[in-house]
Protein backbone atom coordinates (compact mmCIF):
# COMPACT_ATOMS: atom_id res chain seq x y z
CA MET A 1 62.36 70.98 98.66
CA TYR A 2 60.81 67.80 97.28
CA SER A 3 58.32 69.77 95.12
CA ASP A 4 61.28 70.97 93.04
CA PHE A 5 62.25 67.36 92.30
CA LYS A 6 58.68 66.59 91.27
CA GLY A 7 58.52 69.65 89.06
CA LYS A 8 61.77 68.74 87.31
CA ALA A 9 60.53 65.19 86.84
CA ILE A 10 57.35 66.45 85.14
CA GLU A 11 59.40 68.69 82.85
CA PHE A 12 61.53 65.75 81.74
CA VAL A 13 58.38 63.64 81.20
CA LYS A 14 56.90 66.30 78.91
CA VAL A 15 60.06 66.37 76.81
CA ALA A 16 60.21 62.54 76.81
CA VAL A 17 56.63 62.23 75.52
CA THR A 18 57.27 64.82 72.79
CA GLU A 19 60.41 63.02 71.60
CA ASP A 20 58.66 59.65 71.93
CA GLU A 21 55.77 60.72 69.72
CA ALA A 22 58.23 62.14 67.18
CA GLY A 23 60.06 58.82 67.00
CA ASN A 24 63.26 60.15 68.61
CA TYR A 25 63.51 57.16 70.91
CA GLU A 26 67.04 57.67 72.17
CA LYS A 27 66.26 61.22 73.33
CA ALA A 28 62.96 60.02 74.76
CA LEU A 29 64.73 57.29 76.72
CA GLN A 30 67.26 59.74 78.14
CA ASN A 31 64.47 62.04 79.33
CA TYR A 32 62.41 59.18 80.79
CA LYS A 33 65.47 58.08 82.76
CA ALA A 34 66.08 61.60 84.05
CA ALA A 35 62.42 61.88 85.08
CA LEU A 36 62.60 58.57 86.93
CA GLU A 37 65.64 59.72 88.87
CA TYR A 38 63.87 62.89 89.97
CA PHE A 39 60.69 61.01 90.87
CA SER A 40 62.79 58.56 92.88
CA THR A 41 64.41 61.40 94.81
CA HIS A 42 61.03 63.09 95.36
CA LEU A 43 59.59 59.90 96.88
CA LYS A 44 62.17 60.04 99.66
CA TYR A 45 60.62 63.29 100.90
CA GLU A 46 56.96 62.73 100.08
CA LYS A 47 54.98 62.43 103.33
CA ASN A 48 51.48 62.07 101.89
CA PRO A 49 50.76 58.33 101.38
CA ARG A 50 48.19 58.90 98.62
CA SER A 51 50.45 61.22 96.71
CA ALA A 52 53.36 58.80 97.07
CA GLU A 53 51.21 55.93 95.80
CA ALA A 54 50.13 57.94 92.77
CA ILE A 55 53.71 58.85 91.95
CA ARG A 56 54.80 55.19 92.30
CA ALA A 57 52.10 54.21 89.79
CA LYS A 58 53.37 56.80 87.32
CA PHE A 59 56.93 55.75 88.06
CA LYS A 60 56.04 52.20 87.05
CA GLU A 61 54.44 53.38 83.79
CA TYR A 62 57.43 55.49 82.81
CA LEU A 63 59.81 52.72 83.81
CA GLU A 64 58.01 50.19 81.61
CA ARG A 65 58.04 52.62 78.71
CA ALA A 66 61.77 53.32 79.18
CA GLU A 67 62.57 49.61 79.28
CA TYR A 68 60.49 49.05 76.15
CA LEU A 69 62.21 51.86 74.24
CA LYS A 70 65.55 50.41 75.26
CA THR A 71 64.66 47.15 73.50
CA VAL A 72 63.58 49.15 70.42
CA ILE A 73 66.89 51.04 70.31
CA GLU A 74 68.84 47.79 70.64
CA GLY A 75 66.89 46.31 67.73
CA ARG A 76 65.00 43.69 69.68
CA GLN A 77 61.60 45.28 68.94
CA GLU A 78 60.06 46.86 65.87
CA ASN A 79 57.32 49.46 65.36
CA PRO A 80 56.78 50.52 68.96
CA PRO A 81 53.29 51.70 69.89
CA ALA A 82 52.90 55.40 70.45
CA ALA A 83 53.24 56.96 73.85
CA SER A 84 50.03 58.22 75.41
CA ALA A 85 49.59 61.76 76.63
CA ASN A 86 50.73 60.84 80.15
CA GLY A 87 53.94 59.30 78.87
CA ALA A 88 53.16 55.60 79.22
CA ALA A 89 52.72 53.31 76.24
CA THR A 90 49.14 52.75 75.15
CA ALA A 91 50.11 49.13 74.60
CA GLN A 92 53.38 47.31 75.05
CA ARG A 93 52.65 44.50 72.66
CA LYS A 94 51.10 44.21 69.20
CA LYS A 95 47.48 43.28 68.85
CA GLY A 96 46.50 39.90 67.49
CA PRO A 97 45.06 39.28 64.02
CA GLY A 98 41.53 39.73 65.27
CA GLY A 99 42.28 43.08 66.81
CA GLY A 100 42.15 41.88 70.43
CA GLY A 101 44.89 42.66 72.89
CA GLY A 102 47.28 40.21 74.46
CA GLY A 103 48.07 38.16 71.37
CA GLY A 104 50.74 38.69 68.76
CA ASP A 105 54.41 38.69 69.59
CA GLY A 106 54.21 39.39 73.33
CA GLY A 107 55.28 35.87 74.20
CA ASN A 108 58.17 35.99 71.76
CA ASP A 109 59.27 39.34 73.14
CA ASN A 110 59.31 37.90 76.65
CA ASP A 111 61.28 34.90 75.44
CA LYS A 112 63.84 37.14 73.74
CA ASP A 113 64.14 39.28 76.86
CA ARG A 114 64.69 36.22 78.99
CA GLU A 115 67.30 34.80 76.63
CA ARG A 116 69.15 38.10 76.85
CA LEU A 117 69.11 38.00 80.66
CA LYS A 118 70.25 34.38 80.65
CA GLY A 119 73.10 35.38 78.37
CA GLN A 120 74.21 38.03 80.85
CA LEU A 121 74.23 35.45 83.65
CA GLY A 122 75.84 32.71 81.57
CA GLY A 123 79.34 33.49 82.84
CA ALA A 124 78.20 32.99 86.43
CA ILE A 125 77.56 29.27 85.93
CA ILE A 126 80.66 27.26 86.81
CA THR A 127 80.83 24.54 84.15
CA GLU A 128 84.36 23.34 84.96
CA LYS A 129 84.89 22.25 88.55
CA PRO A 130 87.71 24.14 90.34
CA ASN A 131 89.31 20.84 91.48
CA VAL A 132 89.52 21.89 95.13
CA LYS A 133 88.80 18.93 97.42
CA TRP A 134 87.69 19.06 101.05
CA ASP A 135 91.15 17.80 102.04
CA ASP A 136 92.76 20.75 100.25
CA VAL A 137 91.14 23.07 102.81
CA ALA A 138 93.34 22.98 105.90
CA GLY A 139 91.41 23.21 109.18
CA LEU A 140 87.88 24.65 109.25
CA GLU A 141 86.45 21.24 110.04
CA GLY A 142 83.26 22.71 111.51
CA ALA A 143 82.60 24.80 108.42
CA LYS A 144 83.24 21.85 106.13
CA GLU A 145 80.86 19.65 108.11
CA ALA A 146 78.14 22.32 108.00
CA LEU A 147 78.53 22.65 104.24
CA LYS A 148 78.45 18.89 103.75
CA GLU A 149 75.28 18.79 105.82
CA ALA A 150 73.70 21.54 103.73
CA VAL A 151 74.97 20.53 100.28
CA ILE A 152 75.99 16.89 100.02
CA LEU A 153 73.46 15.06 102.19
CA PRO A 154 70.27 16.57 100.69
CA VAL A 155 71.45 15.63 97.18
CA LYS A 156 72.69 12.11 97.93
CA PHE A 157 70.12 11.21 100.60
CA PRO A 158 66.95 13.20 99.86
CA GLN A 159 64.89 10.68 101.86
CA PHE A 160 66.49 12.05 105.03
CA PHE A 161 64.84 15.42 104.52
CA THR A 162 61.12 14.88 104.60
CA GLY A 163 58.31 16.29 106.69
CA LYS A 164 59.51 18.99 109.04
CA ARG A 165 63.20 18.12 108.52
CA LYS A 166 64.41 20.57 105.88
CA PRO A 167 67.96 21.21 104.68
CA TRP A 168 69.49 24.64 105.22
CA SER A 169 68.45 27.13 102.55
CA GLY A 170 71.04 29.82 103.29
CA ILE A 171 74.53 29.76 104.77
CA LEU A 172 76.56 32.87 105.48
CA MET A 173 80.32 32.53 105.95
CA TYR A 174 81.89 35.53 107.63
CA GLY A 175 85.31 36.28 109.06
CA PRO A 176 88.55 38.16 108.45
CA PRO A 177 89.90 38.49 104.90
CA GLY A 178 92.01 35.59 103.69
CA THR A 179 90.62 32.88 105.96
CA GLY A 180 89.40 30.63 103.16
CA LYS A 181 85.74 31.57 102.63
CA SER A 182 86.00 31.69 98.84
CA TYR A 183 88.26 28.62 98.88
CA LEU A 184 85.56 26.71 100.78
CA ALA A 185 83.08 27.76 98.09
CA LYS A 186 85.40 26.29 95.45
CA ALA A 187 85.47 23.03 97.41
CA VAL A 188 81.68 23.04 97.46
CA ALA A 189 81.62 23.58 93.69
CA THR A 190 84.00 20.64 93.24
CA GLU A 191 82.41 18.20 95.67
CA ALA A 192 78.71 18.94 95.18
CA ASP A 193 76.77 17.24 92.44
CA SER A 194 74.94 20.51 91.80
CA THR A 195 74.86 23.45 89.41
CA PHE A 196 77.08 26.15 90.86
CA PHE A 197 76.47 29.87 90.29
CA SER A 198 79.29 32.19 91.35
CA ILE A 199 77.91 35.73 91.54
CA SER A 200 79.42 39.13 92.21
CA SER A 201 77.65 42.48 92.44
CA SER A 202 78.75 43.35 88.88
CA ASP A 203 76.73 40.40 87.55
CA LEU A 204 73.48 41.78 88.96
CA VAL A 205 73.89 45.55 88.74
CA SER A 206 72.77 47.17 85.50
CA LYS A 207 72.82 50.80 84.43
CA TRP A 208 69.33 50.34 82.98
CA LEU A 209 66.43 51.08 85.29
CA GLY A 210 64.56 47.98 86.38
CA GLU A 211 67.00 45.54 84.80
CA SER A 212 68.87 44.65 88.00
CA GLU A 213 65.70 43.26 89.59
CA LYS A 214 65.07 41.22 86.44
CA LEU A 215 68.59 39.80 86.64
CA VAL A 216 68.05 38.78 90.28
CA SER A 217 64.75 37.13 89.38
CA GLU A 218 66.28 35.37 86.37
CA LEU A 219 69.18 34.10 88.48
CA PHE A 220 66.81 32.31 90.85
CA LYS A 221 64.69 31.01 87.97
CA LEU A 222 67.80 29.47 86.42
CA ALA A 223 68.82 28.02 89.78
CA ARG A 224 65.42 26.36 90.21
CA GLU A 225 65.41 25.07 86.63
CA ASN A 226 68.89 23.55 87.14
CA ALA A 227 68.29 22.27 90.67
CA PRO A 228 69.92 21.01 92.76
CA SER A 229 71.93 24.21 92.58
CA ILE A 230 74.02 26.56 94.70
CA ILE A 231 74.14 30.34 94.39
CA PHE A 232 77.38 31.69 95.83
CA ILE A 233 77.62 35.46 96.33
CA ASP A 234 81.09 36.62 97.34
CA GLU A 235 81.31 39.92 99.24
CA VAL A 236 77.55 39.74 99.70
CA ASP A 237 77.62 42.95 101.75
CA SER A 238 78.33 44.92 98.55
CA LEU A 239 74.84 43.96 97.31
CA CYS A 240 73.00 43.79 100.61
CA SER A 241 74.29 46.59 102.80
CA THR A 242 72.06 48.13 105.46
CA ARG A 243 69.23 50.17 103.99
CA GLY A 244 69.32 53.90 104.67
CA ASP A 245 68.01 57.27 103.53
CA ASN A 246 71.05 57.94 101.40
CA GLU A 247 70.89 54.86 99.20
CA SER A 248 69.51 55.02 95.69
CA GLU A 249 66.13 53.69 94.70
CA ALA A 250 67.84 51.21 92.35
CA ALA A 251 69.90 49.71 95.20
CA ARG A 252 66.79 49.45 97.35
CA ARG A 253 64.89 47.63 94.59
CA ILE A 254 67.72 45.10 94.09
CA LYS A 255 67.73 44.36 97.81
CA THR A 256 63.97 43.99 97.92
CA GLN A 257 63.97 41.58 94.98
CA LEU A 258 66.78 39.56 96.51
CA MET A 259 64.91 39.27 99.81
CA ILE A 260 61.75 38.13 98.01
CA GLU A 261 63.68 35.46 96.11
CA MET A 262 65.58 34.26 99.19
CA GLN A 263 62.37 34.03 101.19
CA GLY A 264 60.91 31.54 98.71
CA VAL A 265 64.14 29.90 97.62
CA ASN A 266 62.97 26.42 98.66
CA SER A 267 59.25 26.50 98.15
CA ASN A 268 57.06 23.46 97.69
CA ASP A 269 58.00 23.04 94.02
CA GLY A 270 60.69 20.54 95.01
CA ALA A 271 63.59 22.56 93.59
CA ARG A 272 66.64 22.41 95.85
CA VAL A 273 68.53 25.73 95.90
CA LEU A 274 71.13 26.75 98.46
CA MET A 275 72.19 30.36 98.99
CA LEU A 276 75.84 30.60 100.03
CA GLY A 277 77.22 34.00 100.98
CA ALA A 278 80.64 35.24 102.11
CA THR A 279 81.56 38.55 103.71
CA ASN A 280 84.36 40.28 105.59
CA LEU A 281 81.92 42.91 106.86
CA PRO A 282 79.03 41.08 108.56
CA TYR A 283 77.76 44.17 110.39
CA ASN A 284 77.26 45.90 107.04
CA LEU A 285 74.63 43.34 106.01
CA ASP A 286 71.01 44.44 106.07
CA GLN A 287 69.32 42.71 108.99
CA ALA A 288 66.52 41.34 106.79
CA ILE A 289 69.09 39.72 104.48
CA ARG A 290 71.05 38.43 107.48
CA ARG A 291 67.92 36.76 108.83
CA ARG A 292 67.42 34.91 105.55
CA PHE A 293 70.77 33.18 105.99
CA ASP A 294 69.50 30.65 108.50
CA LYS A 295 73.01 29.39 109.32
CA ARG A 296 75.79 31.91 109.96
CA ILE A 297 79.26 30.42 110.39
CA TYR A 298 82.36 32.20 111.64
CA ILE A 299 85.45 31.37 109.59
CA PRO A 300 88.26 32.33 112.01
CA LEU A 301 91.99 32.64 111.57
CA PRO A 302 93.59 29.18 111.28
CA GLU A 303 95.05 27.47 114.34
CA ALA A 304 98.66 26.26 114.55
CA HIS A 305 98.05 22.76 113.15
CA ALA A 306 95.99 24.19 110.29
CA ARG A 307 98.71 26.73 109.51
CA ALA A 308 101.28 23.91 109.39
CA GLY A 309 99.04 22.10 106.91
CA MET A 310 98.72 25.25 104.79
CA PHE A 311 102.50 25.53 104.49
CA LYS A 312 102.53 21.96 103.12
CA ILE A 313 99.68 22.62 100.72
CA HIS A 314 101.14 25.83 99.32
CA LEU A 315 104.63 24.36 99.04
CA GLY A 316 103.18 21.45 97.08
CA ASP A 317 105.70 19.32 95.17
CA THR A 318 108.39 22.02 95.11
CA PRO A 319 111.69 20.33 96.17
CA HIS A 320 112.47 21.07 99.83
CA ASN A 321 114.22 19.49 102.81
CA LEU A 322 111.74 20.46 105.53
CA SER A 323 110.75 17.80 108.03
CA GLU A 324 107.39 17.33 109.71
CA ALA A 325 108.82 19.02 112.81
CA ASP A 326 109.82 22.03 110.68
CA PHE A 327 106.25 22.46 109.45
CA GLN A 328 104.97 22.32 113.03
CA VAL A 329 107.48 25.04 113.98
CA LEU A 330 106.26 27.19 111.09
CA GLY A 331 102.70 26.75 112.30
CA GLN A 332 103.68 27.89 115.79
CA ARG A 333 105.66 30.89 114.53
CA THR A 334 102.80 32.33 112.46
CA GLU A 335 100.26 33.07 115.18
CA GLY A 336 97.69 35.57 113.85
CA PHE A 337 98.42 34.84 110.17
CA SER A 338 95.51 34.17 107.84
CA GLY A 339 95.54 31.57 105.09
CA SER A 340 96.16 34.35 102.60
CA ASP A 341 99.09 35.63 104.69
CA ILE A 342 100.64 32.15 104.68
CA ASN A 343 100.14 31.87 100.92
CA THR A 344 102.01 35.17 100.52
CA VAL A 345 104.83 33.94 102.79
CA VAL A 346 105.25 30.76 100.74
CA LYS A 347 105.23 32.72 97.47
CA ASP A 348 108.04 34.85 98.88
CA VAL A 349 109.93 31.76 100.02
CA LEU A 350 109.63 30.18 96.57
CA MET A 351 111.41 33.21 95.16
CA GLN A 352 114.37 32.86 97.54
CA PRO A 353 116.28 30.33 95.37
CA ILE A 354 115.71 32.56 92.32
CA ARG A 355 117.17 35.52 94.19
CA LEU A 356 120.15 33.38 95.16
CA LEU A 357 120.72 32.46 91.51
CA ARG A 358 120.37 36.06 90.47
CA ASP A 359 122.98 37.27 93.00
CA ALA A 360 125.39 34.33 92.73
CA THR A 361 128.95 35.03 91.54
CA HIS A 362 130.13 31.39 91.37
CA PHE A 363 128.63 28.17 90.01
CA ARG A 364 129.80 24.56 89.85
CA LYS A 365 128.97 21.62 87.61
CA ILE A 366 126.86 18.76 89.05
CA LYS A 367 125.26 15.57 87.76
CA LEU A 368 121.47 15.63 87.60
CA PRO A 369 119.35 12.55 88.50
CA ASN A 370 118.83 11.82 84.80
CA GLY A 371 122.60 11.70 84.24
CA SER A 372 122.91 15.01 82.39
CA ASP A 373 125.07 17.95 83.43
CA GLY A 374 123.74 20.79 85.51
CA TYR A 375 124.98 23.85 87.36
CA GLU A 376 124.22 25.12 90.85
CA PRO A 377 125.33 28.26 92.74
CA CYS A 378 128.14 27.78 95.26
CA ALA A 379 130.57 29.64 97.52
CA PRO A 380 133.71 31.10 95.86
CA LEU A 381 135.99 28.59 97.63
CA ALA A 382 133.80 25.53 97.05
CA PRO A 383 135.37 22.63 95.08
CA GLY A 384 134.81 23.12 91.35
CA ALA A 385 133.63 26.74 91.75
CA GLN A 386 133.64 28.73 88.52
CA GLU A 387 133.34 32.52 88.62
CA CYS A 388 130.38 33.60 86.49
CA THR A 389 126.90 35.04 86.75
CA LEU A 390 123.49 33.79 85.71
CA GLN A 391 123.72 35.81 82.51
CA TYR A 392 126.69 33.66 81.44
CA PHE A 393 124.45 30.60 81.03
CA ALA A 394 121.89 32.59 79.05
CA ASP A 395 124.61 33.86 76.71
CA LYS A 396 125.95 30.32 76.21
CA GLY A 397 122.48 28.96 75.44
CA ILE A 398 122.54 26.52 78.37
CA ALA A 399 120.15 28.36 80.69
CA ASP A 400 118.08 25.18 81.07
CA GLN A 401 121.03 23.48 82.83
CA VAL A 402 120.95 25.87 85.82
CA VAL A 403 119.32 24.17 88.81
CA PRO A 404 117.78 26.29 91.60
CA PRO A 405 118.60 25.21 95.19
CA ILE A 406 115.91 23.30 97.07
CA ILE A 407 113.81 25.15 99.64
CA SER A 408 115.20 25.04 103.17
CA MET A 409 114.12 26.22 106.61
CA ARG A 410 116.59 29.06 106.26
CA ASP A 411 114.53 30.47 103.38
CA PHE A 412 111.48 30.54 105.64
CA ASP A 413 113.50 32.20 108.41
CA LYS A 414 114.50 35.04 106.10
CA VAL A 415 110.94 35.69 104.94
CA LEU A 416 109.29 35.35 108.36
CA ASP A 417 111.72 37.86 109.86
CA ARG A 418 110.00 40.56 107.81
CA ALA A 419 106.48 39.13 107.34
CA ARG A 420 103.55 40.54 109.34
CA PRO A 421 99.91 39.40 109.63
CA THR A 422 97.27 41.53 107.91
CA VAL A 423 94.48 41.07 110.48
CA SER A 424 94.69 43.08 113.70
CA THR A 425 93.41 42.18 117.15
CA LYS A 426 90.87 44.99 116.84
CA ASP A 427 89.52 43.44 113.62
CA LEU A 428 89.09 40.08 115.35
CA GLU A 429 87.10 41.64 118.19
CA VAL A 430 84.47 42.77 115.67
CA PHE A 431 83.97 39.22 114.36
CA GLU A 432 83.92 37.72 117.83
CA ARG A 433 81.24 40.19 118.89
CA PHE A 434 79.15 39.40 115.80
CA THR A 435 79.50 35.68 116.56
CA GLU A 436 78.21 36.22 120.10
CA GLU A 437 75.21 38.15 118.77
CA PHE A 438 74.26 36.39 115.55
CA GLY A 439 76.61 33.59 114.52
CA GLU A 440 78.21 30.35 115.55
CA GLU A 441 81.73 28.98 115.79
CA ALA A 442 82.93 26.81 112.90
CA SER A 443 85.17 24.61 115.02
């Protein structure tokens, strides 16, 4: 079956070379790309090592030519050299004034290419700190201490890490969705005196063959140039899932490049780079990538006291009459809730006064703290009750005088009666098993 793929690849190469020589670079590029896809598929079935090696060499030639034509089409190159009979370029750079190879504009071309890649990664550099402090993260003391040990100490006290004592080069945070992994990363970005790169799979995946690996390489170059730096990859499993027969050659190459870069992330050049990853699917990570995260921390569901703290944090300065004991009760009542679940509960609670205003049929006049008049909803038989709806105040042009009721424990009771956690016991068993095999507790 694989010989058919090889035959189709050769057919596309012949067309590509013909179009290339005729100066039809867009058609040539399309045919080179098609040939590369067929060669890539053929390699999965090729059993002869010598034949596979020969095809890989040709694959590299056609890939380089395709990448070069892409720059020509986009206007970043002029007067491309002709393609040779086997489809590869006879030269990828102009010859120098004396006729020798290697001179000319090759260096400028590389500089332009690098500037383009840096531009694509520019949005990943966090220039404005998220303003999330360690204290804003309720609970997770073990995880915070591990991150301080890996991020803060090496920057502020580099003399501690000499000889055989090296700071962590990779930390993987794993656990159920909504437990604060990304929020911890924001705290790191705020607290660390380092360049922070926040990366998703879309930042590194390109439709152009060979470009994804270049983006990975450029990311780590930038990190080393701007050291001390932190590369945070959220949902790292989407980039680094377990390798298999069904994955594309492009995905395999990205993974390989990432592993190479992570292996040498803190070489002897003195650049301090930390890899920080987060995932909800730790078992989906390729084992070679998992090994390169030398510290793997379980971010569990919050405990009761942490949940009580989260209710306070999410409620913020919104007027309420809850006591400290009320917050402790809320923490006890939300067993199994994640931080994200609690955030959703509080959002729902914050809407309760608005719903009361919307449904109210009677309002009464009150004096606000600044001495001006205001209106609040009330029962029909309450002193000073006036029958009207919220629309009445909008029609009169005094909508700004309507005051929503303060948050009470009753609002939380209404919401919690219908709220449910999003993480099941079965989900937790998966993370606990992974922790026993590969990780460590964060508490």
